[in-house]
Amino acid sequence: MTLNADERELLRRISESGKPVDPPEYFHSIHPPNFPASAAEDDPRREAWVELQMNLYRACIRLHELGLVKVVHPANGERGDLVVVTEASRAALA
């Protein structure tokens, strides 16, 4: 199974957490903003960063579809789904 860089990094961080986590908690540390907060909505740096964030959401979905993470606490309106790695994820990270 081949994971892209975002999928691998997200899976690694979830694996290292040792507890159920909401994956978007890692998004800003994986791809930190590289523009000032005052940047316009159509600033190319902001638009590129938004695309990186969307790719991380896609990575979350793919990790779930591949059976590498599982939801242990569904979203409750205050936070997103909390996930943990599965046994299959250990092989994917090797």
PDB file of N, CA and C in Angstrom:
ATOM      1  N   MET A   1       0.854  -1.170   0.000  1.00  0.00           N
ATOM      2  CA  MET A   1       0.000   0.000   0.000  1.00  0.00           C
ATOM      3  C   MET A   1       0.898   1.231   0.000  1.00  0.00           C
ATOM      4  N   THR A   2       0.608   2.132  -0.892  1.00  0.00           N
ATOM      5  CA  THR A   2       1.386   3.355  -1.010  1.00  0.00           C
ATOM      6  C   THR A   2       0.595   4.520  -0.452  1.00  0.00           C
ATOM      7  N   LEU A   3       1.220   5.229   0.477  1.00  0.00           N
ATOM      8  CA  LEU A   3       0.612   6.425   1.057  1.00  0.00           C
ATOM      9  C   LEU A   3       1.354   7.643   0.539  1.00  0.00           C
ATOM     10  N   ASN A   4       0.626   8.731   0.310  1.00  0.00           N
ATOM     11  CA  ASN A   4       1.321   9.958  -0.064  1.00  0.00           C
ATOM     12  C   ASN A   4       1.902  10.594   1.207  1.00  0.00           C
ATOM     13  N   ALA A   5       2.660  11.653   1.024  1.00  0.00           N
ATOM     14  CA  ALA A   5       3.364  12.275   2.152  1.00  0.00           C
ATOM     15  C   ALA A   5       2.406  12.755   3.242  1.00  0.00           C
ATOM     16  N   ASP A   6       1.289  13.373   2.861  1.00  0.00           N
ATOM     17  CA  ASP A   6       0.326  13.847   3.856  1.00  0.00           C
ATOM     18  C   ASP A   6      -0.293  12.686   4.624  1.00  0.00           C
ATOM     19  N   GLU A   7      -0.678  11.637   3.917  1.00  0.00           N
ATOM     20  CA  GLU A   7      -1.277  10.466   4.570  1.00  0.00           C
ATOM     21  C   GLU A   7      -0.292   9.838   5.548  1.00  0.00           C
ATOM     22  N   ARG A   8       0.951   9.668   5.113  1.00  0.00           N
ATOM     23  CA  ARG A   8       1.979   9.061   5.963  1.00  0.00           C
ATOM     24  C   ARG A   8       2.242   9.909   7.216  1.00  0.00           C
ATOM     25  N   GLU A   9       2.380  11.215   7.036  1.00  0.00           N
ATOM     26  CA  GLU A   9       2.670  12.087   8.179  1.00  0.00           C
ATOM     27  C   GLU A   9       1.501  12.126   9.159  1.00  0.00           C
ATOM     28  N   LEU A  10       0.298  12.213   8.644  1.00  0.00           N
ATOM     29  CA  LEU A  10      -0.875  12.224   9.508  1.00  0.00           C
ATOM     30  C   LEU A  10      -0.996  10.901  10.261  1.00  0.00           C
ATOM     31  N   LEU A  11      -0.801   9.803   9.560  1.00  0.00           N
ATOM     32  CA  LEU A  11      -0.868   8.487  10.207  1.00  0.00           C
ATOM     33  C   LEU A  11       0.222   8.348  11.261  1.00  0.00           C
ATOM     34  N   ARG A  12       1.415   8.830  10.981  1.00  0.00           N
ATOM     35  CA  ARG A  12       2.512   8.766  11.954  1.00  0.00           C
ATOM     36  C   ARG A  12       2.142   9.527  13.230  1.00  0.00           C
ATOM     37  N   ARG A  13       1.609  10.710  13.073  1.00  0.00           N
ATOM     38  CA  ARG A  13       1.265  11.521  14.245  1.00  0.00           C
ATOM     39  C   ARG A  13       0.124  10.901  15.049  1.00  0.00           C
ATOM     40  N   ILE A  14      -0.861  10.351  14.359  1.00  0.00           N
ATOM     41  CA  ILE A  14      -1.960   9.681  15.064  1.00  0.00           C
ATOM     42  C   ILE A  14      -1.412   8.486  15.826  1.00  0.00           C
ATOM     43  N   SER A  15      -0.527   7.734  15.188  1.00  0.00           N
ATOM     44  CA  SER A  15       0.075   6.556  15.804  1.00  0.00           C
ATOM     45  C   SER A  15       0.880   6.921  17.048  1.00  0.00           C
ATOM     46  N   GLU A  16       1.630   8.001  16.957  1.00  0.00           N
ATOM     47  CA  GLU A  16       2.480   8.419  18.074  1.00  0.00           C
ATOM     48  C   GLU A  16       1.704   9.036  19.231  1.00  0.00           C
ATOM     49  N   SER A  17       0.470   9.430  18.993  1.00  0.00           N
ATOM     50  CA  SER A  17      -0.292  10.108  20.045  1.00  0.00           C
ATOM     51  C   SER A  17      -0.581   9.188  21.217  1.00  0.00           C
ATOM     52  N   GLY A  18      -0.824   7.913  20.925  1.00  0.00           N
ATOM     53  CA  GLY A  18      -1.109   6.966  21.997  1.00  0.00           C
ATOM     54  C   GLY A  18      -2.488   7.117  22.615  1.00  0.00           C
ATOM     55  N   LYS A  19      -3.312   7.962  22.037  1.00  0.00           N
ATOM     56  CA  LYS A  19      -4.675   8.168  22.538  1.00  0.00           C
ATOM     57  C   LYS A  19      -5.554   8.566  21.364  1.00  0.00           C
ATOM     58  N   PRO A  20      -6.869   8.497  21.507  1.00  0.00           N
ATOM     59  CA  PRO A  20      -7.753   8.949  20.433  1.00  0.00           C
ATOM     60  C   PRO A  20      -7.556  10.442  20.157  1.00  0.00           C
ATOM     61  N   VAL A  21      -7.480  10.795  18.875  1.00  0.00           N
ATOM     62  CA  VAL A  21      -7.242  12.187  18.491  1.00  0.00           C
ATOM     63  C   VAL A  21      -8.191  12.614  17.382  1.00  0.00           C
ATOM     64  N   ASP A  22      -8.385  13.908  17.276  1.00  0.00           N
ATOM     65  CA  ASP A  22      -9.131  14.527  16.185  1.00  0.00           C
ATOM     66  C   ASP A  22      -8.074  14.967  15.164  1.00  0.00           C
ATOM     67  N   PRO A  23      -7.927  14.261  14.048  1.00  0.00           N
ATOM     68  CA  PRO A  23      -6.820  14.524  13.124  1.00  0.00           C
ATOM     69  C   PRO A  23      -6.602  15.985  12.726  1.00  0.00           C
ATOM     70  N   PRO A  24      -7.653  16.800  12.522  1.00  0.00           N
ATOM     71  CA  PRO A  24      -7.377  18.192  12.155  1.00  0.00           C
ATOM     72  C   PRO A  24      -6.541  18.962  13.178  1.00  0.00           C
ATOM     73  N   GLU A  25      -6.408  18.439  14.390  1.00  0.00           N
ATOM     74  CA  GLU A  25      -5.543  19.093  15.374  1.00  0.00           C
ATOM     75  C   GLU A  25      -4.102  19.194  14.868  1.00  0.00           C
ATOM     76  N   TYR A  26      -3.710  18.326  13.963  1.00  0.00           N
ATOM     77  CA  TYR A  26      -2.338  18.297  13.452  1.00  0.00           C
ATOM     78  C   TYR A  26      -2.139  19.120  12.182  1.00  0.00           C
ATOM     79  N   PHE A  27      -3.205  19.538  11.551  1.00  0.00           N
ATOM     80  CA  PHE A  27      -3.094  20.156  10.235  1.00  0.00           C
ATOM     81  C   PHE A  27      -2.174  21.374  10.213  1.00  0.00           C
ATOM     82  N   HIS A  28      -2.312  22.271  11.179  1.00  0.00           N
ATOM     83  CA  HIS A  28      -1.513  23.498  11.155  1.00  0.00           C
ATOM     84  C   HIS A  28      -0.057  23.237  11.467  1.00  0.00           C
ATOM     85  N   SER A  29       0.242  22.152  12.157  1.00  0.00           N
ATOM     86  CA  SER A  29       1.650  21.841  12.408  1.00  0.00           C
ATOM     87  C   SER A  29       2.267  21.071  11.240  1.00  0.00           C
ATOM     88  N   ILE A  30       1.452  20.359  10.478  1.00  0.00           N
ATOM     89  CA  ILE A  30       1.968  19.678   9.285  1.00  0.00           C
ATOM     90  C   ILE A  30       2.227  20.697   8.186  1.00  0.00           C
ATOM     91  N   HIS A  31       1.273  21.572   7.957  1.00  0.00           N
ATOM     92  CA  HIS A  31       1.413  22.643   6.951  1.00  0.00           C
ATOM     93  C   HIS A  31       1.054  23.968   7.608  1.00  0.00           C
ATOM     94  N   PRO A  32       2.023  24.604   8.288  1.00  0.00           N
ATOM     95  CA  PRO A  32       1.724  25.880   8.941  1.00  0.00           C
ATOM     96  C   PRO A  32       1.450  26.987   7.919  1.00  0.00           C
ATOM     97  N   PRO A  33       0.638  27.966   8.307  1.00  0.00           N
ATOM     98  CA  PRO A  33       0.390  29.093   7.401  1.00  0.00           C
ATOM     99  C   PRO A  33       1.708  29.813   7.110  1.00  0.00           C
ATOM    100  N   ASN A  34       1.902  30.223   5.872  1.00  0.00           N
ATOM    101  CA  ASN A  34       3.133  30.932   5.492  1.00  0.00           C
ATOM    102  C   ASN A  34       2.798  32.325   4.954  1.00  0.00           C
ATOM    103  N   PHE A  35       1.815  32.934   5.583  1.00  0.00           N
ATOM    104  CA  PHE A  35       1.356  34.256   5.158  1.00  0.00           C
ATOM    105  C   PHE A  35       0.875  34.992   6.400  1.00  0.00           C
ATOM    106  N   PRO A  36       0.866  36.321   6.365  1.00  0.00           N
ATOM    107  CA  PRO A  36       0.369  37.078   7.522  1.00  0.00           C
ATOM    108  C   PRO A  36      -1.145  36.933   7.653  1.00  0.00           C
ATOM    109  N   ALA A  37      -1.629  37.032   8.869  1.00  0.00           N
ATOM    110  CA  ALA A  37      -3.071  36.924   9.119  1.00  0.00           C
ATOM    111  C   ALA A  37      -3.850  37.982   8.337  1.00  0.00           C
ATOM    112  N   SER A  38      -3.201  39.074   8.013  1.00  0.00           N
ATOM    113  CA  SER A  38      -3.870  40.157   7.283  1.00  0.00           C
ATOM    114  C   SER A  38      -3.921  39.910   5.773  1.00  0.00           C
ATOM    115  N   ALA A  39      -3.372  38.808   5.310  1.00  0.00           N
ATOM    116  CA  ALA A  39      -3.362  38.523   3.863  1.00  0.00           C
ATOM    117  C   ALA A  39      -4.789  38.426   3.339  1.00  0.00           C
ATOM    118  N   ALA A  40      -4.987  38.948   2.161  1.00  0.00           N
ATOM    119  CA  ALA A  40      -6.309  38.918   1.526  1.00  0.00           C
ATOM    120  C   ALA A  40      -6.724  37.475   1.249  1.00  0.00           C
ATOM    121  N   GLU A  41      -8.036  37.266   1.164  1.00  0.00           N
ATOM    122  CA  GLU A  41      -8.570  35.930   0.886  1.00  0.00           C
ATOM    123  C   GLU A  41      -8.026  35.362  -0.416  1.00  0.00           C
ATOM    124  N   ASP A  42      -7.766  36.228  -1.395  1.00  0.00           N
ATOM    125  CA  ASP A  42      -7.290  35.740  -2.688  1.00  0.00           C
ATOM    126  C   ASP A  42      -5.762  35.804  -2.818  1.00  0.00           C
ATOM    127  N   ASP A  43      -5.073  36.014  -1.714  1.00  0.00           N
ATOM    128  CA  ASP A  43      -3.605  35.987  -1.727  1.00  0.00           C
ATOM    129  C   ASP A  43      -3.163  34.595  -2.166  1.00  0.00           C
ATOM    130  N   PRO A  44      -2.282  34.486  -3.137  1.00  0.00           N
ATOM    131  CA  PRO A  44      -1.867  33.176  -3.634  1.00  0.00           C
ATOM    132  C   PRO A  44      -1.293  32.269  -2.546  1.00  0.00           C
ATOM    133  N   ARG A  45      -0.609  32.852  -1.561  1.00  0.00           N
ATOM    134  CA  ARG A  45      -0.061  32.033  -0.474  1.00  0.00           C
ATOM    135  C   ARG A  45      -1.178  31.448   0.372  1.00  0.00           C
ATOM    136  N   ARG A  46      -2.218  32.232   0.633  1.00  0.00           N
ATOM    137  CA  ARG A  46      -3.358  31.735   1.409  1.00  0.00           C
ATOM    138  C   ARG A  46      -4.092  30.658   0.614  1.00  0.00           C
ATOM    139  N   GLU A  47      -4.300  30.895  -0.664  1.00  0.00           N
ATOM    140  CA  GLU A  47      -5.002  29.909  -1.491  1.00  0.00           C
ATOM    141  C   GLU A  47      -4.228  28.596  -1.561  1.00  0.00           C
ATOM    142  N   ALA A  48      -2.907  28.678  -1.671  1.00  0.00           N
ATOM    143  CA  ALA A  48      -2.083  27.458  -1.704  1.00  0.00           C
ATOM    144  C   ALA A  48      -2.173  26.718  -0.371  1.00  0.00           C
ATOM    145  N   TRP A  49      -2.174  27.465   0.721  1.00  0.00           N
ATOM    146  CA  TRP A  49      -2.262  26.853   2.042  1.00  0.00           C
ATOM    147  C   TRP A  49      -3.626  26.184   2.244  1.00  0.00           C
ATOM    148  N   VAL A  50      -4.684  26.819   1.800  1.00  0.00           N
ATOM    149  CA  VAL A  50      -6.018  26.226   1.908  1.00  0.00           C
ATOM    150  C   VAL A  50      -6.055  24.904   1.152  1.00  0.00           C
ATOM    151  N   GLU A  51      -5.438  24.850   0.001  1.00  0.00           N
ATOM    152  CA  GLU A  51      -5.384  23.596  -0.762  1.00  0.00           C
ATOM    153  C   GLU A  51      -4.623  22.520   0.013  1.00  0.00           C
ATOM    154  N   LEU A  52      -3.548  22.893   0.681  1.00  0.00           N
ATOM    155  CA  LEU A  52      -2.815  21.932   1.515  1.00  0.00           C
ATOM    156  C   LEU A  52      -3.697  21.412   2.650  1.00  0.00           C
ATOM    157  N   GLN A  53      -4.480  22.295   3.247  1.00  0.00           N
ATOM    158  CA  GLN A  53      -5.376  21.875   4.328  1.00  0.00           C
ATOM    159  C   GLN A  53      -6.448  20.923   3.798  1.00  0.00           C
ATOM    160  N   MET A  54      -6.977  21.218   2.615  1.00  0.00           N
ATOM    161  CA  MET A  54      -7.969  20.324   2.007  1.00  0.00           C
ATOM    162  C   MET A  54      -7.358  18.956   1.707  1.00  0.00           C
ATOM    163  N   ASN A  55      -6.103  18.941   1.280  1.00  0.00           N
ATOM    164  CA  ASN A  55      -5.424  17.671   1.032  1.00  0.00           C
ATOM    165  C   ASN A  55      -5.319  16.842   2.308  1.00  0.00           C
ATOM    166  N   LEU A  56      -5.144  17.511   3.430  1.00  0.00           N
ATOM    167  CA  LEU A  56      -5.087  16.780   4.703  1.00  0.00           C
ATOM    168  C   LEU A  56      -6.446  16.194   5.063  1.00  0.00           C
ATOM    169  N   TYR A  57      -7.524  16.907   4.769  1.00  0.00           N
ATOM    170  CA  TYR A  57      -8.859  16.336   4.971  1.00  0.00           C
ATOM    171  C   TYR A  57      -9.048  15.107   4.077  1.00  0.00           C
ATOM    172  N   ARG A  58      -8.581  15.212   2.833  1.00  0.00           N
ATOM    173  CA  ARG A  58      -8.657  14.058   1.927  1.00  0.00           C
ATOM    174  C   ARG A  58      -7.839  12.890   2.479  1.00  0.00           C
ATOM    175  N   ALA A  59      -6.693  13.200   3.059  1.00  0.00           N
ATOM    176  CA  ALA A  59      -5.846  12.161   3.654  1.00  0.00           C
ATOM    177  C   ALA A  59      -6.577  11.466   4.797  1.00  0.00           C
ATOM    178  N   CYS A  60      -7.294  12.231   5.621  1.00  0.00           N
ATOM    179  CA  CYS A  60      -8.078  11.637   6.724  1.00  0.00           C
ATOM    180  C   CYS A  60      -9.084  10.635   6.181  1.00  0.00           C
ATOM    181  N   ILE A  61      -9.778  11.047   5.148  1.00  0.00           N
ATOM    182  CA  ILE A  61     -10.805  10.175   4.556  1.00  0.00           C
ATOM    183  C   ILE A  61     -10.160   8.915   4.000  1.00  0.00           C
ATOM    184  N   ARG A  62      -9.053   9.073   3.296  1.00  0.00           N
ATOM    185  CA  ARG A  62      -8.397   7.909   2.690  1.00  0.00           C
ATOM    186  C   ARG A  62      -7.875   6.959   3.761  1.00  0.00           C
ATOM    187  N   LEU A  63      -7.300   7.482   4.841  1.00  0.00           N
ATOM    188  CA  LEU A  63      -6.815   6.614   5.922  1.00  0.00           C
ATOM    189  C   LEU A  63      -7.960   5.786   6.490  1.00  0.00           C
ATOM    190  N   HIS A  64      -9.119   6.397   6.611  1.00  0.00           N
ATOM    191  CA  HIS A  64     -10.288   5.673   7.105  1.00  0.00           C
ATOM    192  C   HIS A  64     -10.744   4.633   6.088  1.00  0.00           C
ATOM    193  N   GLU A  65     -10.811   5.013   4.820  1.00  0.00           N
ATOM    194  CA  GLU A  65     -11.233   4.085   3.772  1.00  0.00           C
ATOM    195  C   GLU A  65     -10.300   2.882   3.662  1.00  0.00           C
ATOM    196  N   LEU A  66      -8.999   3.107   3.908  1.00  0.00           N
ATOM    197  CA  LEU A  66      -8.018   2.021   3.831  1.00  0.00           C
ATOM    198  C   LEU A  66      -7.984   1.164   5.094  1.00  0.00           C
ATOM    199  N   GLY A  67      -8.756   1.560   6.095  1.00  0.00           N
ATOM    200  CA  GLY A  67      -8.781   0.795   7.342  1.00  0.00           C
ATOM    201  C   GLY A  67      -7.556   1.006   8.212  1.00  0.00           C
ATOM    202  N   LEU A  68      -6.893   2.142   8.037  1.00  0.00           N
ATOM    203  CA  LEU A  68      -5.691   2.429   8.819  1.00  0.00           C
ATOM    204  C   LEU A  68      -5.990   3.189  10.099  1.00  0.00           C
ATOM    205  N   VAL A  69      -7.139   3.827  10.156  1.00  0.00           N
ATOM    206  CA  VAL A  69      -7.620   4.461  11.383  1.00  0.00           C
ATOM    207  C   VAL A  69      -9.079   4.069  11.562  1.00  0.00           C
ATOM    208  N   LYS A  70      -9.517   4.096  12.807  1.00  0.00           N
ATOM    209  CA  LYS A  70     -10.928   3.825  13.078  1.00  0.00           C
ATOM    210  C   LYS A  70     -11.442   4.840  14.082  1.00  0.00           C
ATOM    211  N   VAL A  71     -12.707   5.168  13.937  1.00  0.00           N
ATOM    212  CA  VAL A  71     -13.363   6.118  14.834  1.00  0.00           C
ATOM    213  C   VAL A  71     -13.715   5.383  16.119  1.00  0.00           C
ATOM    214  N   VAL A  72     -13.260   5.927  17.250  1.00  0.00           N
ATOM    215  CA  VAL A  72     -13.603   5.333  18.538  1.00  0.00           C
ATOM    216  C   VAL A  72     -14.574   6.209  19.328  1.00  0.00           C
ATOM    217  N   HIS A  73     -14.648   7.480  18.989  1.00  0.00           N
ATOM    218  CA  HIS A  73     -15.603   8.404  19.601  1.00  0.00           C
ATOM    219  C   HIS A  73     -16.131   9.305  18.486  1.00  0.00           C
ATOM    220  N   PRO A  74     -17.362   9.078  18.037  1.00  0.00           N
ATOM    221  CA  PRO A  74     -17.921   9.912  16.958  1.00  0.00           C
ATOM    222  C   PRO A  74     -18.001  11.387  17.348  1.00  0.00           C
ATOM    223  N   ALA A  75     -18.014  12.235  16.342  1.00  0.00           N
ATOM    224  CA  ALA A  75     -18.147  13.680  16.558  1.00  0.00           C
ATOM    225  C   ALA A  75     -19.389  13.953  17.390  1.00  0.00           C
ATOM    226  N   ASN A  76     -19.311  14.996  18.214  1.00  0.00           N
ATOM    227  CA  ASN A  76     -20.430  15.283  19.109  1.00  0.00           C
ATOM    228  C   ASN A  76     -20.917  16.727  19.030  1.00  0.00           C
ATOM    229  N   GLY A  77     -20.509  17.453  18.012  1.00  0.00           N
ATOM    230  CA  GLY A  77     -20.924  18.844  17.883  1.00  0.00           C
ATOM    231  C   GLY A  77     -19.944  19.816  18.507  1.00  0.00           C
ATOM    232  N   GLU A  78     -19.124  19.350  19.430  1.00  0.00           N
ATOM    233  CA  GLU A  78     -18.094  20.192  20.039  1.00  0.00           C
ATOM    234  C   GLU A  78     -16.716  19.868  19.494  1.00  0.00           C
ATOM    235  N   ARG A  79     -16.539  18.672  18.964  1.00  0.00           N
ATOM    236  CA  ARG A  79     -15.277  18.221  18.391  1.00  0.00           C
ATOM    237  C   ARG A  79     -15.583  17.212  17.300  1.00  0.00           C
ATOM    238  N   GLY A  80     -14.575  16.963  16.488  1.00  0.00           N
ATOM    239  CA  GLY A  80     -14.730  15.989  15.414  1.00  0.00           C
ATOM    240  C   GLY A  80     -14.585  14.566  15.925  1.00  0.00           C
ATOM    241  N   ASP A  81     -14.622  13.617  14.994  1.00  0.00           N
ATOM    242  CA  ASP A  81     -14.404  12.220  15.342  1.00  0.00           C
ATOM    243  C   ASP A  81     -13.024  12.050  15.967  1.00  0.00           C
ATOM    244  N   LEU A  82     -12.963  11.222  17.007  1.00  0.00           N
ATOM    245  CA  LEU A  82     -11.673  10.854  17.581  1.00  0.00           C
ATOM    246  C   LEU A  82     -11.309   9.493  17.026  1.00  0.00           C
ATOM    247  N   VAL A  83     -10.084   9.385  16.511  1.00  0.00           N
ATOM    248  CA  VAL A  83      -9.647   8.156  15.861  1.00  0.00           C
ATOM    249  C   VAL A  83      -8.395   7.597  16.521  1.00  0.00           C
ATOM    250  N   VAL A  84      -8.173   6.306  16.276  1.00  0.00           N
ATOM    251  CA  VAL A  84      -6.941   5.625  16.661  1.00  0.00           C
ATOM    252  C   VAL A  84      -6.476   4.823  15.454  1.00  0.00           C
ATOM    253  N   VAL A  85      -5.217   4.428  15.480  1.00  0.00           N
ATOM    254  CA  VAL A  85      -4.689   3.596  14.397  1.00  0.00           C
ATOM    255  C   VAL A  85      -5.169   2.158  14.579  1.00  0.00           C
ATOM    256  N   THR A  86      -5.155   1.424  13.489  1.00  0.00           N
ATOM    257  CA  THR A  86      -5.503   0.015  13.506  1.00  0.00           C
ATOM    258  C   THR A  86      -4.219  -0.807  13.375  1.00  0.00           C
ATOM    259  N   GLU A  87      -4.346  -2.100  13.512  1.00  0.00           N
ATOM    260  CA  GLU A  87      -3.175  -2.979  13.331  1.00  0.00           C
ATOM    261  C   GLU A  87      -2.598  -2.813  11.928  1.00  0.00           C
ATOM    262  N   ALA A  88      -3.462  -2.637  10.938  1.00  0.00           N
ATOM    263  CA  ALA A  88      -2.995  -2.490   9.552  1.00  0.00           C
ATOM    264  C   ALA A  88      -2.099  -1.260   9.392  1.00  0.00           C
ATOM    265  N   SER A  89      -2.271  -0.250  10.221  1.00  0.00           N
ATOM    266  CA  SER A  89      -1.484   0.961  10.074  1.00  0.00           C
ATOM    267  C   SER A  89      -0.011   0.729  10.397  1.00  0.00           C
ATOM    268  N   ARG A  90       0.271  -0.212  11.280  1.00  0.00           N
ATOM    269  CA  ARG A  90       1.665  -0.477  11.636  1.00  0.00           C
ATOM    270  C   ARG A  90       2.446  -0.958  10.419  1.00  0.00           C
ATOM    271  N   ALA A  91       1.850  -1.814   9.614  1.00  0.00           N
ATOM    272  CA  ALA A  91       2.505  -2.287   8.399  1.00  0.00           C
ATOM    273  C   ALA A  91       2.653  -1.153   7.389  1.00  0.00           C
ATOM    274  N   ALA A  92       1.677  -0.286   7.318  1.00  0.00           N
ATOM    275  CA  ALA A  92       1.726   0.833   6.362  1.00  0.00           C
ATOM    276  C   ALA A  92       2.828   1.811   6.714  1.00  0.00           C
ATOM    277  N   LEU A  93       3.153   1.931   7.991  1.00  0.00           N
ATOM    278  CA  LEU A  93       4.190   2.854   8.416  1.00  0.00           C
ATOM    279  C   LEU A  93       5.587   2.253   8.363  1.00  0.00           C
ATOM    280  N   ALA A  94       5.661   0.935   8.244  1.00  0.00           N
ATOM    281  CA  ALA A  94       6.973   0.252   8.240  1.00  0.00           C
ATOM    282  C   ALA A  94       7.749   0.528   6.978  1.00  0.00           C
TER     283      ALA A  94
END
